[in-house]
Amino acid sequence: LIECQGKETLPLSSLYATELDGLLQQYSCVYEVGGFAIDKNKIGDRYGGESLNGARLLFKAVYEEAKRFGADLLVVAVNPKHLSFYTLIGFQKFGEQKMYPFVDAPAVPLFLTMKGGAMAEDFFSRV
């Protein structure tokens, strides 16, 4: 988690500064999430088995930590092929797909509101 003191501190701002401006005006405690990885040998069926459980456990830890720090918004840039997992949790797009030079891959910016995030709470209660 990277705490936001201003948009300059968020790595995502290098690609989505304009889009982040609106969010940073609405929320006081914004955190950026990044760098998730699951062993490709464990992936198998992307939406079942070890892969989904591993992703849930990994993200649940991040979600709980963000709550502990008082985050009211999480932002993340994800590869479009992983979009369905994040939307399942409750993330929403706040910008268009762009190439992210840091990872040399396409990225889509997403946000998750922590306050009243019933969808995320329900998703993680099943872990």
N, C-alpha and C. Protein backbone atom coordinates (compact mmCIF):
# COMPACT_ATOMS: atom_id res chain seq x y z
N LEU A 1 0.85 -1.19 0.00
CA LEU A 1 0.00 0.00 0.00
C LEU A 1 0.89 1.24 0.00
N ILE A 2 0.51 2.20 -0.78
CA ILE A 2 1.24 3.46 -0.81
C ILE A 2 0.28 4.56 -0.42
N GLU A 3 0.56 5.21 0.70
CA GLU A 3 -0.34 6.25 1.18
C GLU A 3 -0.22 7.49 0.31
N CYS A 4 -1.34 8.12 0.08
CA CYS A 4 -1.37 9.32 -0.75
C CYS A 4 -1.32 10.58 0.10
N GLN A 5 -0.26 11.32 0.01
CA GLN A 5 -0.16 12.63 0.64
C GLN A 5 -0.52 13.70 -0.38
N GLY A 6 -0.55 13.32 -1.60
CA GLY A 6 -0.83 14.18 -2.74
C GLY A 6 -0.63 13.32 -3.96
N LYS A 7 -1.15 13.73 -5.08
CA LYS A 7 -1.10 12.84 -6.24
C LYS A 7 0.33 12.53 -6.69
N GLU A 8 1.28 13.38 -6.35
CA GLU A 8 2.66 13.13 -6.76
C GLU A 8 3.22 11.87 -6.14
N THR A 9 2.66 11.43 -5.00
CA THR A 9 3.21 10.26 -4.31
C THR A 9 2.66 8.95 -4.85
N LEU A 10 1.64 9.01 -5.69
CA LEU A 10 1.06 7.79 -6.23
C LEU A 10 1.72 7.43 -7.56
N PRO A 11 2.31 6.25 -7.68
CA PRO A 11 2.90 5.85 -8.96
C PRO A 11 1.90 5.93 -10.12
N LEU A 12 0.65 5.65 -9.84
CA LEU A 12 -0.39 5.70 -10.85
C LEU A 12 -0.55 7.08 -11.47
N SER A 13 -0.14 8.11 -10.73
CA SER A 13 -0.30 9.48 -11.24
C SER A 13 0.61 9.75 -12.44
N SER A 14 1.63 8.93 -12.62
CA SER A 14 2.50 9.14 -13.79
C SER A 14 1.73 8.88 -15.09
N LEU A 15 0.67 8.13 -15.02
CA LEU A 15 -0.12 7.78 -16.19
C LEU A 15 -1.54 8.37 -16.16
N TYR A 16 -2.07 8.56 -14.96
CA TYR A 16 -3.46 8.97 -14.82
C TYR A 16 -3.62 10.18 -13.89
N ALA A 17 -2.77 11.16 -14.01
CA ALA A 17 -2.82 12.34 -13.13
C ALA A 17 -4.15 13.07 -13.22
N THR A 18 -4.63 13.33 -14.41
CA THR A 18 -5.88 14.06 -14.59
C THR A 18 -7.04 13.29 -13.99
N GLU A 19 -7.10 12.00 -14.25
CA GLU A 19 -8.19 11.16 -13.75
C GLU A 19 -8.16 11.08 -12.22
N LEU A 20 -6.95 11.04 -11.65
CA LEU A 20 -6.82 10.97 -10.19
C LEU A 20 -7.25 12.26 -9.50
N ASP A 21 -7.06 13.39 -10.17
CA ASP A 21 -7.41 14.68 -9.56
C ASP A 21 -8.82 14.69 -8.98
N GLY A 22 -9.78 14.23 -9.76
CA GLY A 22 -11.16 14.21 -9.30
C GLY A 22 -11.35 13.34 -8.06
N LEU A 23 -10.71 12.18 -8.04
CA LEU A 23 -10.83 11.29 -6.90
C LEU A 23 -10.17 11.88 -5.66
N LEU A 24 -9.02 12.52 -5.85
CA LEU A 24 -8.30 13.08 -4.71
C LEU A 24 -9.02 14.27 -4.10
N GLN A 25 -9.89 14.90 -4.85
CA GLN A 25 -10.69 16.00 -4.31
C GLN A 25 -11.87 15.47 -3.49
N GLN A 26 -12.29 14.26 -3.76
CA GLN A 26 -13.45 13.67 -3.08
C GLN A 26 -13.08 12.84 -1.86
N TYR A 27 -11.87 12.31 -1.82
CA TYR A 27 -11.47 11.39 -0.75
C TYR A 27 -10.23 11.92 -0.05
N SER A 28 -10.19 11.73 1.27
CA SER A 28 -9.07 12.28 2.03
C SER A 28 -7.93 11.30 2.24
N CYS A 29 -8.21 10.02 2.20
CA CYS A 29 -7.18 9.03 2.47
C CYS A 29 -7.17 7.98 1.37
N VAL A 30 -6.35 8.20 0.35
CA VAL A 30 -6.29 7.35 -0.82
C VAL A 30 -5.02 6.51 -0.78
N TYR A 31 -5.16 5.22 -1.05
CA TYR A 31 -4.02 4.32 -1.10
C TYR A 31 -3.97 3.67 -2.47
N GLU A 32 -2.75 3.49 -2.97
CA GLU A 32 -2.57 2.75 -4.22
C GLU A 32 -2.08 1.35 -3.90
N VAL A 33 -2.66 0.38 -4.58
CA VAL A 33 -2.32 -1.02 -4.42
C VAL A 33 -1.60 -1.46 -5.67
N GLY A 34 -0.58 -2.29 -5.55
CA GLY A 34 0.09 -2.76 -6.74
C GLY A 34 0.99 -3.94 -6.49
N GLY A 35 1.42 -4.53 -7.59
CA GLY A 35 2.43 -5.58 -7.52
C GLY A 35 1.92 -6.94 -7.10
N PHE A 36 0.65 -7.27 -7.39
CA PHE A 36 0.17 -8.61 -7.06
C PHE A 36 0.71 -9.61 -8.05
N ALA A 37 1.05 -10.78 -7.55
CA ALA A 37 1.51 -11.85 -8.43
C ALA A 37 1.17 -13.19 -7.81
N ILE A 38 0.78 -14.11 -8.65
CA ILE A 38 0.51 -15.47 -8.23
C ILE A 38 1.35 -16.38 -9.12
N ASP A 39 1.97 -17.37 -8.52
CA ASP A 39 2.79 -18.32 -9.25
C ASP A 39 2.02 -18.87 -10.45
N LYS A 40 2.57 -18.69 -11.65
CA LYS A 40 1.85 -19.11 -12.85
C LYS A 40 1.61 -20.62 -12.87
N ASN A 41 2.38 -21.38 -12.13
CA ASN A 41 2.16 -22.83 -12.05
C ASN A 41 0.94 -23.17 -11.19
N LYS A 42 0.45 -22.19 -10.43
CA LYS A 42 -0.72 -22.41 -9.57
C LYS A 42 -2.00 -21.87 -10.20
N ILE A 43 -1.90 -21.23 -11.35
CA ILE A 43 -3.06 -20.54 -11.90
C ILE A 43 -4.13 -21.52 -12.37
N GLY A 44 -3.81 -22.46 -13.23
CA GLY A 44 -4.82 -23.40 -13.70
C GLY A 44 -6.05 -22.68 -14.21
N ASP A 45 -7.19 -23.02 -13.64
CA ASP A 45 -8.44 -22.35 -13.97
C ASP A 45 -8.44 -20.99 -13.31
N ARG A 46 -8.44 -19.93 -14.10
CA ARG A 46 -8.29 -18.57 -13.59
C ARG A 46 -9.35 -18.21 -12.55
N TYR A 47 -10.54 -18.78 -12.63
CA TYR A 47 -11.63 -18.38 -11.74
C TYR A 47 -12.01 -19.46 -10.74
N GLY A 48 -11.14 -20.39 -10.51
CA GLY A 48 -11.46 -21.43 -9.54
C GLY A 48 -10.21 -21.93 -8.87
N GLY A 49 -10.39 -22.82 -7.97
CA GLY A 49 -9.27 -23.51 -7.32
C GLY A 49 -8.30 -22.58 -6.62
N GLU A 50 -7.04 -22.98 -6.69
CA GLU A 50 -5.99 -22.27 -5.97
C GLU A 50 -5.81 -20.83 -6.42
N SER A 51 -5.99 -20.57 -7.70
CA SER A 51 -5.76 -19.23 -8.22
C SER A 51 -6.68 -18.21 -7.58
N LEU A 52 -7.99 -18.47 -7.60
CA LEU A 52 -8.94 -17.53 -7.04
C LEU A 52 -8.79 -17.43 -5.53
N ASN A 53 -8.59 -18.57 -4.85
CA ASN A 53 -8.41 -18.52 -3.40
C ASN A 53 -7.14 -17.77 -3.03
N GLY A 54 -6.08 -17.99 -3.79
CA GLY A 54 -4.84 -17.27 -3.51
C GLY A 54 -5.00 -15.78 -3.72
N ALA A 55 -5.66 -15.39 -4.80
CA ALA A 55 -5.90 -13.97 -5.06
C ALA A 55 -6.78 -13.36 -3.98
N ARG A 56 -7.81 -14.09 -3.58
CA ARG A 56 -8.69 -13.59 -2.51
C ARG A 56 -7.92 -13.35 -1.22
N LEU A 57 -7.11 -14.36 -0.82
CA LEU A 57 -6.36 -14.23 0.42
C LEU A 57 -5.37 -13.07 0.36
N LEU A 58 -4.69 -12.95 -0.77
CA LEU A 58 -3.72 -11.88 -0.95
C LEU A 58 -4.40 -10.52 -0.87
N PHE A 59 -5.49 -10.37 -1.60
CA PHE A 59 -6.15 -9.07 -1.61
C PHE A 59 -6.89 -8.80 -0.31
N LYS A 60 -7.39 -9.82 0.36
CA LYS A 60 -8.06 -9.62 1.65
C LYS A 60 -7.08 -9.00 2.65
N ALA A 61 -5.84 -9.47 2.65
CA ALA A 61 -4.83 -8.92 3.55
C ALA A 61 -4.59 -7.43 3.26
N VAL A 62 -4.53 -7.08 1.98
CA VAL A 62 -4.34 -5.69 1.60
C VAL A 62 -5.55 -4.86 2.01
N TYR A 63 -6.74 -5.39 1.75
CA TYR A 63 -7.99 -4.69 2.08
C TYR A 63 -8.07 -4.42 3.59
N GLU A 64 -7.78 -5.43 4.39
CA GLU A 64 -7.84 -5.27 5.85
C GLU A 64 -6.80 -4.27 6.34
N GLU A 65 -5.63 -4.30 5.75
CA GLU A 65 -4.58 -3.35 6.13
C GLU A 65 -4.98 -1.92 5.77
N ALA A 66 -5.58 -1.74 4.61
CA ALA A 66 -6.05 -0.41 4.21
C ALA A 66 -7.11 0.10 5.16
N LYS A 67 -8.02 -0.78 5.57
CA LYS A 67 -9.04 -0.39 6.56
C LYS A 67 -8.39 0.03 7.87
N ARG A 68 -7.38 -0.74 8.29
CA ARG A 68 -6.69 -0.44 9.55
C ARG A 68 -6.04 0.94 9.51
N PHE A 69 -5.52 1.33 8.35
CA PHE A 69 -4.89 2.64 8.19
C PHE A 69 -5.89 3.76 7.94
N GLY A 70 -7.17 3.41 7.81
CA GLY A 70 -8.19 4.43 7.62
C GLY A 70 -8.38 4.90 6.19
N ALA A 71 -7.98 4.08 5.24
CA ALA A 71 -8.17 4.44 3.82
C ALA A 71 -9.65 4.57 3.52
N ASP A 72 -10.01 5.56 2.74
CA ASP A 72 -11.39 5.63 2.28
C ASP A 72 -11.50 5.33 0.79
N LEU A 73 -10.34 5.15 0.12
CA LEU A 73 -10.35 4.80 -1.29
C LEU A 73 -9.07 4.04 -1.64
N LEU A 74 -9.22 2.97 -2.42
CA LEU A 74 -8.08 2.25 -2.98
C LEU A 74 -8.07 2.48 -4.48
N VAL A 75 -6.89 2.67 -5.05
CA VAL A 75 -6.74 2.76 -6.49
C VAL A 75 -5.69 1.74 -6.93
N VAL A 76 -5.84 1.28 -8.17
CA VAL A 76 -4.93 0.27 -8.70
C VAL A 76 -4.97 0.34 -10.21
N ALA A 77 -3.86 0.03 -10.85
CA ALA A 77 -3.82 -0.14 -12.30
C ALA A 77 -3.65 -1.62 -12.56
N VAL A 78 -4.55 -2.18 -13.36
CA VAL A 78 -4.49 -3.62 -13.62
C VAL A 78 -4.44 -3.90 -15.11
N ASN A 79 -3.85 -5.02 -15.44
CA ASN A 79 -3.87 -5.48 -16.82
C ASN A 79 -5.33 -5.81 -17.15
N PRO A 80 -5.82 -5.41 -18.31
CA PRO A 80 -7.22 -5.67 -18.67
C PRO A 80 -7.64 -7.14 -18.55
N LYS A 81 -6.70 -8.07 -18.70
CA LYS A 81 -7.07 -9.48 -18.59
C LYS A 81 -7.45 -9.88 -17.16
N HIS A 82 -7.14 -9.02 -16.17
CA HIS A 82 -7.49 -9.30 -14.78
C HIS A 82 -8.68 -8.46 -14.31
N LEU A 83 -9.26 -7.71 -15.19
CA LEU A 83 -10.34 -6.80 -14.86
C LEU A 83 -11.52 -7.50 -14.18
N SER A 84 -11.88 -8.69 -14.63
CA SER A 84 -13.05 -9.38 -14.07
C SER A 84 -12.89 -9.68 -12.58
N PHE A 85 -11.67 -10.02 -12.14
CA PHE A 85 -11.45 -10.28 -10.72
C PHE A 85 -11.71 -9.01 -9.89
N TYR A 86 -11.17 -7.90 -10.33
CA TYR A 86 -11.32 -6.66 -9.57
C TYR A 86 -12.75 -6.14 -9.59
N THR A 87 -13.45 -6.31 -10.70
CA THR A 87 -14.85 -5.87 -10.72
C THR A 87 -15.71 -6.79 -9.87
N LEU A 88 -15.32 -8.04 -9.74
CA LEU A 88 -16.02 -8.97 -8.86
C LEU A 88 -15.97 -8.47 -7.41
N ILE A 89 -14.85 -7.91 -7.01
CA ILE A 89 -14.69 -7.36 -5.67
C ILE A 89 -15.50 -6.08 -5.50
N GLY A 90 -15.62 -5.30 -6.57
CA GLY A 90 -16.35 -4.04 -6.47
C GLY A 90 -15.60 -2.84 -7.01
N PHE A 91 -14.40 -3.06 -7.59
CA PHE A 91 -13.65 -1.96 -8.19
C PHE A 91 -14.40 -1.42 -9.40
N GLN A 92 -14.20 -0.13 -9.68
CA GLN A 92 -14.81 0.53 -10.84
C GLN A 92 -13.73 1.27 -11.62
N LYS A 93 -13.91 1.33 -12.94
CA LYS A 93 -12.96 2.05 -13.80
C LYS A 93 -13.09 3.55 -13.58
N PHE A 94 -11.95 4.24 -13.65
CA PHE A 94 -11.99 5.71 -13.63
C PHE A 94 -11.16 6.34 -14.73
N GLY A 95 -10.80 5.55 -15.70
CA GLY A 95 -10.03 6.05 -16.85
C GLY A 95 -9.96 4.98 -17.92
N GLU A 96 -9.40 5.36 -19.03
CA GLU A 96 -9.29 4.45 -20.18
C GLU A 96 -8.00 3.64 -20.13
N GLN A 97 -7.99 2.56 -20.87
CA GLN A 97 -6.81 1.72 -20.97
C GLN A 97 -5.67 2.48 -21.65
N LYS A 98 -4.47 2.36 -21.07
CA LYS A 98 -3.26 2.96 -21.64
C LYS A 98 -2.11 1.97 -21.47
N MET A 99 -1.05 2.18 -22.23
CA MET A 99 0.17 1.39 -22.01
C MET A 99 0.86 1.93 -20.77
N TYR A 100 1.24 1.03 -19.87
CA TYR A 100 1.91 1.42 -18.62
C TYR A 100 3.39 1.07 -18.79
N PRO A 101 4.23 2.06 -19.08
CA PRO A 101 5.65 1.77 -19.37
C PRO A 101 6.37 1.08 -18.22
N PHE A 102 5.95 1.32 -16.99
CA PHE A 102 6.61 0.73 -15.83
C PHE A 102 6.59 -0.80 -15.89
N VAL A 103 5.50 -1.36 -16.43
CA VAL A 103 5.39 -2.82 -16.53
C VAL A 103 5.36 -3.30 -17.98
N ASP A 104 5.44 -2.37 -18.92
CA ASP A 104 5.43 -2.67 -20.34
C ASP A 104 4.22 -3.52 -20.73
N ALA A 105 3.04 -3.07 -20.27
CA ALA A 105 1.80 -3.78 -20.54
C ALA A 105 0.64 -2.79 -20.47
N PRO A 106 -0.50 -3.16 -21.03
CA PRO A 106 -1.66 -2.26 -20.93
C PRO A 106 -2.18 -2.23 -19.50
N ALA A 107 -2.80 -1.11 -19.14
CA ALA A 107 -3.34 -0.95 -17.78
C ALA A 107 -4.68 -0.22 -17.83
N VAL A 108 -5.52 -0.56 -16.88
CA VAL A 108 -6.79 0.11 -16.68
C VAL A 108 -6.81 0.59 -15.23
N PRO A 109 -7.13 1.88 -14.98
CA PRO A 109 -7.18 2.37 -13.60
C PRO A 109 -8.53 2.08 -12.95
N LEU A 110 -8.47 1.59 -11.72
CA LEU A 110 -9.69 1.23 -10.99
C LEU A 110 -9.66 1.85 -9.60
N PHE A 111 -10.86 2.02 -9.03
CA PHE A 111 -10.94 2.46 -7.64
C PHE A 111 -11.96 1.63 -6.89
N LEU A 112 -11.78 1.56 -5.57
CA LEU A 112 -12.71 0.88 -4.67
C LEU A 112 -12.94 1.78 -3.48
N THR A 113 -14.19 2.14 -3.27
CA THR A 113 -14.55 2.94 -2.10
C THR A 113 -14.57 2.03 -0.88
N MET A 114 -13.85 2.41 0.16
CA MET A 114 -13.76 1.59 1.37
C MET A 114 -14.99 1.77 2.26
N LYS A 115 -15.54 2.94 2.32
CA LYS A 115 -16.70 3.19 3.16
C LYS A 115 -17.94 2.64 2.47
N GLY A 116 -18.63 1.77 3.15
CA GLY A 116 -19.83 1.19 2.56
C GLY A 116 -19.53 0.22 1.43
N GLY A 117 -18.34 -0.37 1.43
CA GLY A 117 -17.95 -1.31 0.38
C GLY A 117 -18.54 -2.69 0.64
N ALA A 118 -19.87 -2.78 0.63
CA ALA A 118 -20.55 -4.04 0.94
C ALA A 118 -20.13 -5.17 0.01
N MET A 119 -19.91 -4.85 -1.25
CA MET A 119 -19.54 -5.87 -2.23
C MET A 119 -18.20 -6.51 -1.84
N ALA A 120 -17.23 -5.68 -1.49
CA ALA A 120 -15.92 -6.20 -1.09
C ALA A 120 -16.02 -6.97 0.22
N GLU A 121 -16.78 -6.44 1.19
CA GLU A 121 -16.94 -7.13 2.47
C GLU A 121 -17.54 -8.51 2.25
N ASP A 122 -18.54 -8.61 1.40
CA ASP A 122 -19.18 -9.88 1.12
C ASP A 122 -18.20 -10.84 0.42
N PHE A 123 -17.45 -10.32 -0.55
CA PHE A 123 -16.48 -11.13 -1.27
C PHE A 123 -15.45 -11.72 -0.32
N PHE A 124 -14.95 -10.91 0.61
CA PHE A 124 -13.91 -11.39 1.52
C PHE A 124 -14.46 -12.22 2.67
N SER A 125 -15.73 -12.10 2.98
CA SER A 125 -16.30 -12.92 4.05
C SER A 125 -16.33 -14.40 3.65
N ARG A 126 -16.25 -14.67 2.35
CA ARG A 126 -16.26 -16.04 1.86
C ARG A 126 -14.87 -16.65 1.81
N VAL A 127 -13.85 -15.92 2.26
CA VAL A 127 -12.48 -16.44 2.22
C VAL A 127 -12.16 -17.16 3.51
